[in-house]
Amino acid sequence: DGISSWWVNLFGHCHPRINAALREQLDELEHVILAGFTQRPVVELSERLAALTGGSLGHCFYASDGASATEIALKMSFHSWQNRGHGEKQEFLCLAGGYHGETVGALAVTDVALFRDAYAPLIRPAGIVATPDARLATAGESALDVARRAAGELAGRLEREHQRIAALIVEPLIQCAGGMAMYDPEYLRLARSLCDHYGVHLICDEIAVGCGRSGSFFAHEQAAIRPDFLCLSKGISGGYLPLSIVMTTDAVYADFYDDATSRGFLHSHSYTGNALACRAALAT
C-alpha cells in the first residue's frame, strides 16, 4: 500500500495499539447522536486537539470525510459573516492548483480541471489567486520570492474585493493533488496578515498535510500562525475509520451562540463524532 490508502494510513495496517483501543471501545459504546448527548472519546479528542493549538482553536465540529470538512468550513465562514451583519460576504478565494474535495461546494474552491470541469454547471466557482508553488521560480528567484510575489497578487485582490469575500482557503505548505507543489511558509504568514487587515477568514485545509505529515503536527505551525478554521481528516484516525474535524476560534463560535435557531450553525449528519472513530483518533 505505497500510497497509504490515499494518504490516510500513518502507521501501517492493523496497528496493535489502535486495534486494542477499538476492541475496548466496542464493549463500551459504538455510537450515540451528538445532538443532546455526548460521549467520552469525542470530548477527550476535542480537548486534546484544542490543547495542541494552545486553545486558540478551541471548538470542534465533526464529520466523516475531507470534502465534508471543507463544506462545513465554507458554510460556517459564510454564516458567521451573516450573523455579524455582513451579508455581502458570499464569495471565496482559493489557490491556483488547489484541491479541497469533490462534493459540489468543495469543487467550487478546487482548481483541478479533472475533478471540477465535468460538474461545472453545478458549481458556483470561487475566485482563483496565484499559487506560491516554488517550482514557478524564474531565473534568480527563490521559493521565498515566489511566495512574496503570490502574496502580492493576493493583496491586490483583497484590496479590490474584500467587502464580498468571506474566506481564503489554502493547503498549507503542500498542494498535494496539484502535483505535490511545495511553497515557502512566508506565504502563510503574509496571507494571515492580509486576511486580518481586510477582514477575511483564513481556512487551512490540512486534510492531507496535517497530523505530523509535514514535520510539525499542524502544517501551519511552521509559519507560526493560526487560521480561523482548520480542516483535519485522513490520518486523524490512523486510516481506520472515516472521520473529519473542523476546528475554529472562540470568536466564530460566539457568532452562533444564540437562542435563535436561525443563528445556529445549520449542518449535521447522523454519525457526527462517532465514538469508534474518535477512539481510533485518540489512539493515533
C-alpha atoms as a PDB file:
ATOM      1  CA  ASP A   1       0.000   0.000   0.000  1.00  0.00           C
ATOM      2  CA  GLY A   2       2.546   2.537  -1.193  1.00  0.00           C
ATOM      3  CA  ILE A   3       0.070   5.428  -1.219  1.00  0.00           C
ATOM      4  CA  SER A   4      -1.148   4.813   2.355  1.00  0.00           C
ATOM      5  CA  SER A   5      -4.655   4.090   1.045  1.00  0.00           C
ATOM      6  CA  TRP A   6      -4.886   7.584  -0.421  1.00  0.00           C
ATOM      7  CA  TRP A   7      -2.832   9.204   2.349  1.00  0.00           C
ATOM      8  CA  VAL A   8      -4.939   8.045   5.322  1.00  0.00           C
ATOM      9  CA  ASN A   9      -2.676   5.394   6.859  1.00  0.00           C
ATOM     10  CA  LEU A  10       0.010   6.763   9.176  1.00  0.00           C
ATOM     11  CA  PHE A  11       1.425   3.706  10.942  1.00  0.00           C
ATOM     12  CA  GLY A  12       0.702   0.688   8.745  1.00  0.00           C
ATOM     13  CA  HIS A  13      -2.245  -1.675   8.680  1.00  0.00           C
ATOM     14  CA  CYS A  14      -3.595  -3.439  11.786  1.00  0.00           C
ATOM     15  CA  HIS A  15      -1.549  -1.463  14.288  1.00  0.00           C
ATOM     16  CA  PRO A  16      -1.821  -3.256  17.660  1.00  0.00           C
ATOM     17  CA  ARG A  17      -2.334  -0.078  19.714  1.00  0.00           C
ATOM     18  CA  ILE A  18      -5.233   1.154  17.584  1.00  0.00           C
ATOM     19  CA  ASN A  19      -6.687  -2.359  17.334  1.00  0.00           C
ATOM     20  CA  ALA A  20      -6.710  -2.676  21.131  1.00  0.00           C
ATOM     21  CA  ALA A  21      -8.358   0.726  21.590  1.00  0.00           C
ATOM     22  CA  LEU A  22     -11.131  -0.144  19.159  1.00  0.00           C
ATOM     23  CA  ARG A  23     -11.770  -3.538  20.774  1.00  0.00           C
ATOM     24  CA  GLU A  24     -12.102  -1.850  24.155  1.00  0.00           C
ATOM     25  CA  GLN A  25     -14.411   0.844  22.767  1.00  0.00           C
ATOM     26  CA  LEU A  26     -16.695  -1.758  21.155  1.00  0.00           C
ATOM     27  CA  ASP A  27     -17.544  -3.015  24.636  1.00  0.00           C
ATOM     28  CA  GLU A  28     -18.256   0.498  25.939  1.00  0.00           C
ATOM     29  CA  LEU A  29     -20.216   2.367  23.244  1.00  0.00           C
ATOM     30  CA  GLU A  30     -20.369   2.147  19.465  1.00  0.00           C
ATOM     31  CA  HIS A  31     -22.177   5.422  18.694  1.00  0.00           C
ATOM     32  CA  VAL A  32     -24.600   7.969  20.092  1.00  0.00           C
ATOM     33  CA  ILE A  33     -26.050  11.064  18.436  1.00  0.00           C
ATOM     34  CA  LEU A  34     -24.255  14.261  19.489  1.00  0.00           C
ATOM     35  CA  ALA A  35     -27.439  16.356  19.419  1.00  0.00           C
ATOM     36  CA  GLY A  36     -28.267  16.468  23.119  1.00  0.00           C
ATOM     37  CA  PHE A  37     -25.802  13.718  24.061  1.00  0.00           C
ATOM     38  CA  THR A  38     -22.071  13.307  24.303  1.00  0.00           C
ATOM     39  CA  GLN A  39     -19.524  10.577  24.976  1.00  0.00           C
ATOM     40  CA  ARG A  40     -16.022  10.322  26.387  1.00  0.00           C
ATOM     41  CA  PRO A  41     -13.966   9.775  23.194  1.00  0.00           C
ATOM     42  CA  VAL A  42     -15.307  12.858  21.403  1.00  0.00           C
ATOM     43  CA  VAL A  43     -14.799  15.038  24.481  1.00  0.00           C
ATOM     44  CA  GLU A  44     -11.250  13.784  25.030  1.00  0.00           C
ATOM     45  CA  LEU A  45     -10.350  14.175  21.361  1.00  0.00           C
ATOM     46  CA  SER A  46     -11.735  17.715  21.229  1.00  0.00           C
ATOM     47  CA  GLU A  47      -9.829  18.710  24.353  1.00  0.00           C
ATOM     48  CA  ARG A  48      -6.594  17.140  23.138  1.00  0.00           C
ATOM     49  CA  LEU A  49      -6.783  18.833  19.736  1.00  0.00           C
ATOM     50  CA  ALA A  50      -7.656  22.188  21.296  1.00  0.00           C
ATOM     51  CA  ALA A  51      -4.648  21.867  23.600  1.00  0.00           C
ATOM     52  CA  LEU A  52      -2.406  21.254  20.587  1.00  0.00           C
ATOM     53  CA  THR A  53      -3.446  24.690  19.286  1.00  0.00           C
ATOM     54  CA  GLY A  54      -2.796  26.332  22.639  1.00  0.00           C
ATOM     55  CA  GLY A  55      -6.538  26.853  22.969  1.00  0.00           C
ATOM     56  CA  SER A  56      -6.697  29.240  20.013  1.00  0.00           C
ATOM     57  CA  LEU A  57      -8.849  26.766  18.065  1.00  0.00           C
ATOM     58  CA  GLY A  58     -10.944  25.533  20.950  1.00  0.00           C
ATOM     59  CA  HIS A  59     -14.094  24.378  19.175  1.00  0.00           C
ATOM     60  CA  CYS A  60     -14.503  21.217  17.078  1.00  0.00           C
ATOM     61  CA  PHE A  61     -17.222  20.279  14.594  1.00  0.00           C
ATOM     62  CA  TYR A  62     -17.199  16.642  13.466  1.00  0.00           C
ATOM     63  CA  ALA A  63     -17.963  14.996  10.135  1.00  0.00           C
ATOM     64  CA  SER A  64     -16.916  11.911   8.199  1.00  0.00           C
ATOM     65  CA  ASP A  65     -14.545  12.902   5.382  1.00  0.00           C
ATOM     66  CA  GLY A  66     -12.352  15.640   3.996  1.00  0.00           C
ATOM     67  CA  ALA A  67     -14.787  17.086   1.480  1.00  0.00           C
ATOM     68  CA  SER A  68     -17.406  17.382   4.221  1.00  0.00           C
ATOM     69  CA  ALA A  69     -14.912  19.282   6.366  1.00  0.00           C
ATOM     70  CA  THR A  70     -14.347  21.722   3.506  1.00  0.00           C
ATOM     71  CA  GLU A  71     -18.099  22.190   3.074  1.00  0.00           C
ATOM     72  CA  ILE A  72     -18.509  22.809   6.797  1.00  0.00           C
ATOM     73  CA  ALA A  73     -15.717  25.388   6.920  1.00  0.00           C
ATOM     74  CA  LEU A  74     -17.132  27.256   3.913  1.00  0.00           C
ATOM     75  CA  LYS A  75     -20.673  27.246   5.307  1.00  0.00           C
ATOM     76  CA  MET A  76     -19.520  28.232   8.777  1.00  0.00           C
ATOM     77  CA  SER A  77     -17.470  31.134   7.429  1.00  0.00           C
ATOM     78  CA  PHE A  78     -20.369  32.387   5.319  1.00  0.00           C
ATOM     79  CA  HIS A  79     -22.903  32.028   8.141  1.00  0.00           C
ATOM     80  CA  SER A  80     -20.559  33.658  10.644  1.00  0.00           C
ATOM     81  CA  TRP A  81     -20.377  36.769   8.490  1.00  0.00           C
ATOM     82  CA  GLN A  82     -24.162  36.710   8.017  1.00  0.00           C
ATOM     83  CA  ASN A  83     -24.648  36.651  11.776  1.00  0.00           C
ATOM     84  CA  ARG A  84     -22.276  39.610  12.130  1.00  0.00           C
ATOM     85  CA  GLY A  85     -24.362  41.636   9.680  1.00  0.00           C
ATOM     86  CA  HIS A  86     -22.048  41.250   6.680  1.00  0.00           C
ATOM     87  CA  GLY A  87     -24.475  39.653   4.246  1.00  0.00           C
ATOM     88  CA  GLU A  88     -22.383  40.844   1.312  1.00  0.00           C
ATOM     89  CA  LYS A  89     -19.590  38.362   2.149  1.00  0.00           C
ATOM     90  CA  GLN A  90     -20.690  35.458  -0.042  1.00  0.00           C
ATOM     91  CA  GLU A  91     -17.590  34.612  -2.080  1.00  0.00           C
ATOM     92  CA  PHE A  92     -14.377  32.646  -1.533  1.00  0.00           C
ATOM     93  CA  LEU A  93     -10.815  32.655  -2.816  1.00  0.00           C
ATOM     94  CA  CYS A  94      -8.625  29.604  -3.449  1.00  0.00           C
ATOM     95  CA  LEU A  95      -5.144  28.996  -4.831  1.00  0.00           C
ATOM     96  CA  ALA A  96      -4.446  28.022  -8.421  1.00  0.00           C
ATOM     97  CA  GLY A  97      -3.943  24.262  -8.460  1.00  0.00           C
ATOM     98  CA  GLY A  98      -5.637  23.841  -5.093  1.00  0.00           C
ATOM     99  CA  TYR A  99      -7.715  20.783  -4.197  1.00  0.00           C
ATOM    100  CA  HIS A 100     -10.264  20.605  -1.378  1.00  0.00           C
ATOM    101  CA  GLY A 101     -12.580  17.699  -2.220  1.00  0.00           C
ATOM    102  CA  GLU A 102     -15.134  16.566  -4.757  1.00  0.00           C
ATOM    103  CA  THR A 103     -18.548  17.461  -3.365  1.00  0.00           C
ATOM    104  CA  VAL A 104     -20.194  20.407  -5.120  1.00  0.00           C
ATOM    105  CA  GLY A 105     -19.196  23.021  -2.547  1.00  0.00           C
ATOM    106  CA  ALA A 106     -15.656  21.686  -2.259  1.00  0.00           C
ATOM    107  CA  LEU A 107     -15.279  21.645  -6.046  1.00  0.00           C
ATOM    108  CA  ALA A 108     -16.114  25.354  -6.048  1.00  0.00           C
ATOM    109  CA  VAL A 109     -12.775  26.009  -4.304  1.00  0.00           C
ATOM    110  CA  THR A 110     -10.852  23.331  -6.233  1.00  0.00           C
ATOM    111  CA  ASP A 111      -8.733  24.259  -9.252  1.00  0.00           C
ATOM    112  CA  VAL A 112      -8.016  20.803 -10.657  1.00  0.00           C
ATOM    113  CA  ALA A 113      -9.788  20.515 -14.003  1.00  0.00           C
ATOM    114  CA  LEU A 114     -10.004  16.720 -13.930  1.00  0.00           C
ATOM    115  CA  PHE A 115     -12.354  16.806 -10.958  1.00  0.00           C
ATOM    116  CA  ARG A 116     -14.059  20.165 -11.479  1.00  0.00           C
ATOM    117  CA  ASP A 117     -14.905  20.606 -15.145  1.00  0.00           C
ATOM    118  CA  ALA A 118     -17.297  17.672 -15.583  1.00  0.00           C
ATOM    119  CA  TYR A 119     -19.582  19.235 -12.976  1.00  0.00           C
ATOM    120  CA  ALA A 120     -19.092  22.877 -13.948  1.00  0.00           C
ATOM    121  CA  PRO A 121     -22.834  23.585 -14.451  1.00  0.00           C
ATOM    122  CA  LEU A 122     -23.462  22.689 -10.801  1.00  0.00           C
ATOM    123  CA  ILE A 123     -20.658  24.768  -9.322  1.00  0.00           C
ATOM    124  CA  ARG A 124     -20.509  28.331  -8.042  1.00  0.00           C
ATOM    125  CA  PRO A 125     -16.780  28.864  -8.634  1.00  0.00           C
ATOM    126  CA  ALA A 126     -14.531  30.719  -6.230  1.00  0.00           C
ATOM    127  CA  GLY A 127     -12.006  33.315  -7.273  1.00  0.00           C
ATOM    128  CA  ILE A 128      -8.576  31.866  -8.034  1.00  0.00           C
ATOM    129  CA  VAL A 129      -5.388  33.607  -6.911  1.00  0.00           C
ATOM    130  CA  ALA A 130      -1.766  32.827  -7.742  1.00  0.00           C
ATOM    131  CA  THR A 131      -0.178  29.770  -6.191  1.00  0.00           C
ATOM    132  CA  PRO A 132       3.101  30.207  -4.291  1.00  0.00           C
ATOM    133  CA  ASP A 133       4.358  26.932  -5.849  1.00  0.00           C
ATOM    134  CA  ALA A 134       8.156  27.159  -5.594  1.00  0.00           C
ATOM    135  CA  ARG A 135       8.530  25.456  -8.987  1.00  0.00           C
ATOM    136  CA  LEU A 136       7.349  28.692 -10.594  1.00  0.00           C
ATOM    137  CA  ALA A 137      10.570  30.464  -9.643  1.00  0.00           C
ATOM    138  CA  THR A 138      12.213  32.230 -12.558  1.00  0.00           C
ATOM    139  CA  ALA A 139      15.969  32.533 -13.014  1.00  0.00           C
ATOM    140  CA  GLY A 140      17.468  34.004  -9.874  1.00  0.00           C
ATOM    141  CA  GLU A 141      14.281  33.661  -7.814  1.00  0.00           C
ATOM    142  CA  SER A 142      13.965  31.649  -4.601  1.00  0.00           C
ATOM    143  CA  ALA A 143      10.919  29.918  -3.110  1.00  0.00           C
ATOM    144  CA  LEU A 144      10.648  32.908  -0.792  1.00  0.00           C
ATOM    145  CA  ASP A 145      10.498  35.263  -3.777  1.00  0.00           C
ATOM    146  CA  VAL A 146       7.675  33.234  -5.335  1.00  0.00           C
ATOM    147  CA  ALA A 147       5.754  33.250  -2.056  1.00  0.00           C
ATOM    148  CA  ARG A 148       6.047  37.018  -1.772  1.00  0.00           C
ATOM    149  CA  ARG A 149       5.044  37.521  -5.398  1.00  0.00           C
ATOM    150  CA  ALA A 150       1.928  35.371  -4.946  1.00  0.00           C
ATOM    151  CA  ALA A 151       1.074  37.200  -1.731  1.00  0.00           C
ATOM    152  CA  GLY A 152       1.379  40.479  -3.607  1.00  0.00           C
ATOM    153  CA  GLU A 153      -1.285  39.329  -6.057  1.00  0.00           C
ATOM    154  CA  LEU A 154      -3.469  38.228  -3.146  1.00  0.00           C
ATOM    155  CA  ALA A 155      -3.075  41.667  -1.581  1.00  0.00           C
ATOM    156  CA  GLY A 156      -4.335  43.355  -4.730  1.00  0.00           C
ATOM    157  CA  ARG A 157      -7.305  41.016  -4.994  1.00  0.00           C
ATOM    158  CA  LEU A 158      -8.297  41.554  -1.379  1.00  0.00           C
ATOM    159  CA  GLU A 159      -7.898  45.318  -1.653  1.00  0.00           C
ATOM    160  CA  ARG A 160     -10.376  45.343  -4.549  1.00  0.00           C
ATOM    161  CA  GLU A 161     -12.846  42.683  -3.401  1.00  0.00           C
ATOM    162  CA  HIS A 162     -12.583  42.147   0.361  1.00  0.00           C
ATOM    163  CA  GLN A 163     -16.070  43.509   1.014  1.00  0.00           C
ATOM    164  CA  ARG A 164     -17.626  40.447  -0.630  1.00  0.00           C
ATOM    165  CA  ILE A 165     -15.042  37.759   0.250  1.00  0.00           C
ATOM    166  CA  ALA A 166     -15.812  35.517   3.216  1.00  0.00           C
ATOM    167  CA  ALA A 167     -12.630  33.424   3.275  1.00  0.00           C
ATOM    168  CA  LEU A 168      -9.423  32.343   1.601  1.00  0.00           C
ATOM    169  CA  ILE A 169      -8.822  28.571   1.651  1.00  0.00           C
ATOM    170  CA  VAL A 170      -5.327  27.094   1.316  1.00  0.00           C
ATOM    171  CA  GLU A 171      -3.476  23.808   1.727  1.00  0.00           C
ATOM    172  CA  PRO A 172      -0.583  24.826   3.999  1.00  0.00           C
ATOM    173  CA  LEU A 173       2.906  24.219   2.562  1.00  0.00           C
ATOM    174  CA  ILE A 174       1.976  21.474   0.060  1.00  0.00           C
ATOM    175  CA  GLN A 175      -0.690  21.398  -2.663  1.00  0.00           C
ATOM    176  CA  CYS A 176      -0.977  17.632  -2.838  1.00  0.00           C
ATOM    177  CA  ALA A 177      -3.416  16.826  -5.657  1.00  0.00           C
ATOM    178  CA  GLY A 178      -1.960  19.746  -7.610  1.00  0.00           C
ATOM    179  CA  GLY A 179       1.286  17.822  -8.063  1.00  0.00           C
ATOM    180  CA  MET A 180       2.867  17.970  -4.591  1.00  0.00           C
ATOM    181  CA  ALA A 181       3.590  21.665  -5.111  1.00  0.00           C
ATOM    182  CA  MET A 182       5.567  22.925  -2.125  1.00  0.00           C
ATOM    183  CA  TYR A 183       5.953  26.523  -1.042  1.00  0.00           C
ATOM    184  CA  ASP A 184       7.665  28.732   1.497  1.00  0.00           C
ATOM    185  CA  PRO A 185       5.882  29.289   4.859  1.00  0.00           C
ATOM    186  CA  GLU A 186       6.221  33.036   4.281  1.00  0.00           C
ATOM    187  CA  TYR A 187       3.121  32.852   2.091  1.00  0.00           C
ATOM    188  CA  LEU A 188       1.034  31.688   5.049  1.00  0.00           C
ATOM    189  CA  ARG A 189       2.402  34.478   7.237  1.00  0.00           C
ATOM    190  CA  LEU A 190       1.571  37.095   4.629  1.00  0.00           C
ATOM    191  CA  ALA A 191      -1.842  35.579   3.867  1.00  0.00           C
ATOM    192  CA  ARG A 192      -2.719  35.601   7.572  1.00  0.00           C
ATOM    193  CA  SER A 193      -1.717  39.252   7.865  1.00  0.00           C
ATOM    194  CA  LEU A 194      -3.681  40.219   4.760  1.00  0.00           C
ATOM    195  CA  CYS A 195      -6.796  38.351   5.887  1.00  0.00           C
ATOM    196  CA  ASP A 196      -6.615  40.107   9.255  1.00  0.00           C
ATOM    197  CA  HIS A 197      -6.168  43.500   7.596  1.00  0.00           C
ATOM    198  CA  TYR A 198      -9.065  43.087   5.169  1.00  0.00           C
ATOM    199  CA  GLY A 199     -11.487  41.194   7.415  1.00  0.00           C
ATOM    200  CA  VAL A 200     -11.414  37.829   5.637  1.00  0.00           C
ATOM    201  CA  HIS A 201     -11.324  34.380   7.235  1.00  0.00           C
ATOM    202  CA  LEU A 202      -8.365  32.084   6.607  1.00  0.00           C
ATOM    203  CA  ILE A 203      -9.210  28.381   6.188  1.00  0.00           C
ATOM    204  CA  CYS A 204      -6.305  25.930   6.422  1.00  0.00           C
ATOM    205  CA  ASP A 205      -7.129  22.610   4.781  1.00  0.00           C
ATOM    206  CA  GLU A 206      -4.781  20.164   6.497  1.00  0.00           C
ATOM    207  CA  ILE A 207      -6.762  17.088   5.499  1.00  0.00           C
ATOM    208  CA  ALA A 208      -3.724  15.651   3.722  1.00  0.00           C
ATOM    209  CA  VAL A 209      -0.796  17.575   5.223  1.00  0.00           C
ATOM    210  CA  GLY A 210      -1.784  17.616   8.901  1.00  0.00           C
ATOM    211  CA  CYS A 211      -1.272  15.084  11.710  1.00  0.00           C
ATOM    212  CA  GLY A 212       2.515  15.231  11.507  1.00  0.00           C
ATOM    213  CA  ARG A 213       2.920  14.631   7.807  1.00  0.00           C
ATOM    214  CA  SER A 214       4.784  17.890   7.183  1.00  0.00           C
ATOM    215  CA  GLY A 215       7.106  17.663  10.186  1.00  0.00           C
ATOM    216  CA  SER A 216       5.006  19.535  12.752  1.00  0.00           C
ATOM    217  CA  PHE A 217       1.661  18.177  13.929  1.00  0.00           C
ATOM    218  CA  PHE A 218      -0.126  21.019  12.142  1.00  0.00           C
ATOM    219  CA  ALA A 219       1.497  22.260   8.932  1.00  0.00           C
ATOM    220  CA  HIS A 220       0.520  25.877   9.583  1.00  0.00           C
ATOM    221  CA  GLU A 221       2.643  25.864  12.745  1.00  0.00           C
ATOM    222  CA  GLN A 222       5.721  26.147  10.541  1.00  0.00           C
ATOM    223  CA  ALA A 223       4.578  29.670   9.679  1.00  0.00           C
ATOM    224  CA  ALA A 224       3.837  30.500  13.347  1.00  0.00           C
ATOM    225  CA  ILE A 225       0.218  31.393  12.548  1.00  0.00           C
ATOM    226  CA  ARG A 226      -3.254  30.124  13.400  1.00  0.00           C
ATOM    227  CA  PRO A 227      -6.134  30.035  10.909  1.00  0.00           C
ATOM    228  CA  ASP A 228      -9.758  30.878  11.636  1.00  0.00           C
ATOM    229  CA  PHE A 229     -10.748  27.381  10.511  1.00  0.00           C
ATOM    230  CA  LEU A 230      -8.651  24.207  10.435  1.00  0.00           C
ATOM    231  CA  CYS A 231      -9.820  21.135   8.492  1.00  0.00           C
ATOM    232  CA  LEU A 232      -8.488  17.714   9.529  1.00  0.00           C
ATOM    233  CA  SER A 233      -9.220  14.214   8.221  1.00  0.00           C
ATOM    234  CA  LYS A 234      -7.358  11.326   6.527  1.00  0.00           C
ATOM    235  CA  GLY A 235      -4.604  10.456   9.017  1.00  0.00           C
ATOM    236  CA  ILE A 236      -6.522  11.709  12.064  1.00  0.00           C
ATOM    237  CA  SER A 237      -7.890   8.187  12.714  1.00  0.00           C
ATOM    238  CA  GLY A 238      -4.762   6.376  11.577  1.00  0.00           C
ATOM    239  CA  GLY A 239      -6.542   5.200   8.447  1.00  0.00           C
ATOM    240  CA  TYR A 240      -9.051   3.087  10.366  1.00  0.00           C
ATOM    241  CA  LEU A 241     -12.420   4.841  10.201  1.00  0.00           C
ATOM    242  CA  PRO A 242     -13.984   7.847   8.426  1.00  0.00           C
ATOM    243  CA  LEU A 243     -13.559  10.986  10.493  1.00  0.00           C
ATOM    244  CA  SER A 244     -13.059  14.680   9.833  1.00  0.00           C
ATOM    245  CA  ILE A 245     -12.955  17.708  12.077  1.00  0.00           C
ATOM    246  CA  VAL A 246     -13.269  21.456  11.590  1.00  0.00           C
ATOM    247  CA  MET A 247     -11.664  23.458  14.378  1.00  0.00           C
ATOM    248  CA  THR A 248     -12.415  27.123  14.916  1.00  0.00           C
ATOM    249  CA  THR A 249     -11.995  30.068  17.270  1.00  0.00           C
ATOM    250  CA  ASP A 250     -13.933  31.478  20.208  1.00  0.00           C
ATOM    251  CA  ALA A 251     -14.883  34.454  18.024  1.00  0.00           C
ATOM    252  CA  VAL A 252     -16.505  32.295  15.352  1.00  0.00           C
ATOM    253  CA  TYR A 253     -18.222  30.120  17.969  1.00  0.00           C
ATOM    254  CA  ALA A 254     -19.692  33.236  19.570  1.00  0.00           C
ATOM    255  CA  ASP A 255     -21.277  34.225  16.249  1.00  0.00           C
ATOM    256  CA  PHE A 256     -23.577  31.188  16.535  1.00  0.00           C
ATOM    257  CA  TYR A 257     -24.224  31.155  20.283  1.00  0.00           C
ATOM    258  CA  ASP A 258     -27.793  32.419  20.365  1.00  0.00           C
ATOM    259  CA  ASP A 259     -31.316  31.333  21.283  1.00  0.00           C
ATOM    260  CA  ALA A 260     -32.485  31.943  17.705  1.00  0.00           C
ATOM    261  CA  THR A 261     -32.345  28.722  15.674  1.00  0.00           C
ATOM    262  CA  SER A 262     -31.631  30.680  12.500  1.00  0.00           C
ATOM    263  CA  ARG A 263     -28.368  31.928  14.007  1.00  0.00           C
ATOM    264  CA  GLY A 264     -27.229  28.423  14.871  1.00  0.00           C
ATOM    265  CA  PHE A 265     -24.956  26.509  12.509  1.00  0.00           C
ATOM    266  CA  LEU A 266     -27.369  24.510  10.382  1.00  0.00           C
ATOM    267  CA  HIS A 267     -25.337  21.449   9.466  1.00  0.00           C
ATOM    268  CA  SER A 268     -25.463  17.906  10.792  1.00  0.00           C
ATOM    269  CA  HIS A 269     -25.201  14.245   9.928  1.00  0.00           C
ATOM    270  CA  SER A 270     -26.172  11.085  11.778  1.00  0.00           C
ATOM    271  CA  TYR A 271     -22.685   9.773  12.580  1.00  0.00           C
ATOM    272  CA  THR A 272     -21.137  13.048  13.756  1.00  0.00           C
ATOM    273  CA  GLY A 273     -18.371  12.380  16.288  1.00  0.00           C
ATOM    274  CA  ASN A 274     -18.707   8.589  16.057  1.00  0.00           C
ATOM    275  CA  ALA A 275     -17.264   7.078  19.247  1.00  0.00           C
ATOM    276  CA  LEU A 276     -15.297   4.346  17.472  1.00  0.00           C
ATOM    277  CA  ALA A 277     -13.708   6.781  15.025  1.00  0.00           C
ATOM    278  CA  CYS A 278     -12.830   9.189  17.837  1.00  0.00           C
ATOM    279  CA  ARG A 279     -11.301   6.358  19.865  1.00  0.00           C
ATOM    280  CA  ALA A 280      -9.162   5.412  16.866  1.00  0.00           C
ATOM    281  CA  ALA A 281      -8.091   9.058  16.631  1.00  0.00           C
ATOM    282  CA  LEU A 282      -7.161   9.137  20.316  1.00  0.00           C
ATOM    283  CA  ALA A 283      -5.025   6.029  19.866  1.00  0.00           C
ATOM    284  CA  THR A 284      -3.440   7.598  16.785  1.00  0.00           C
END
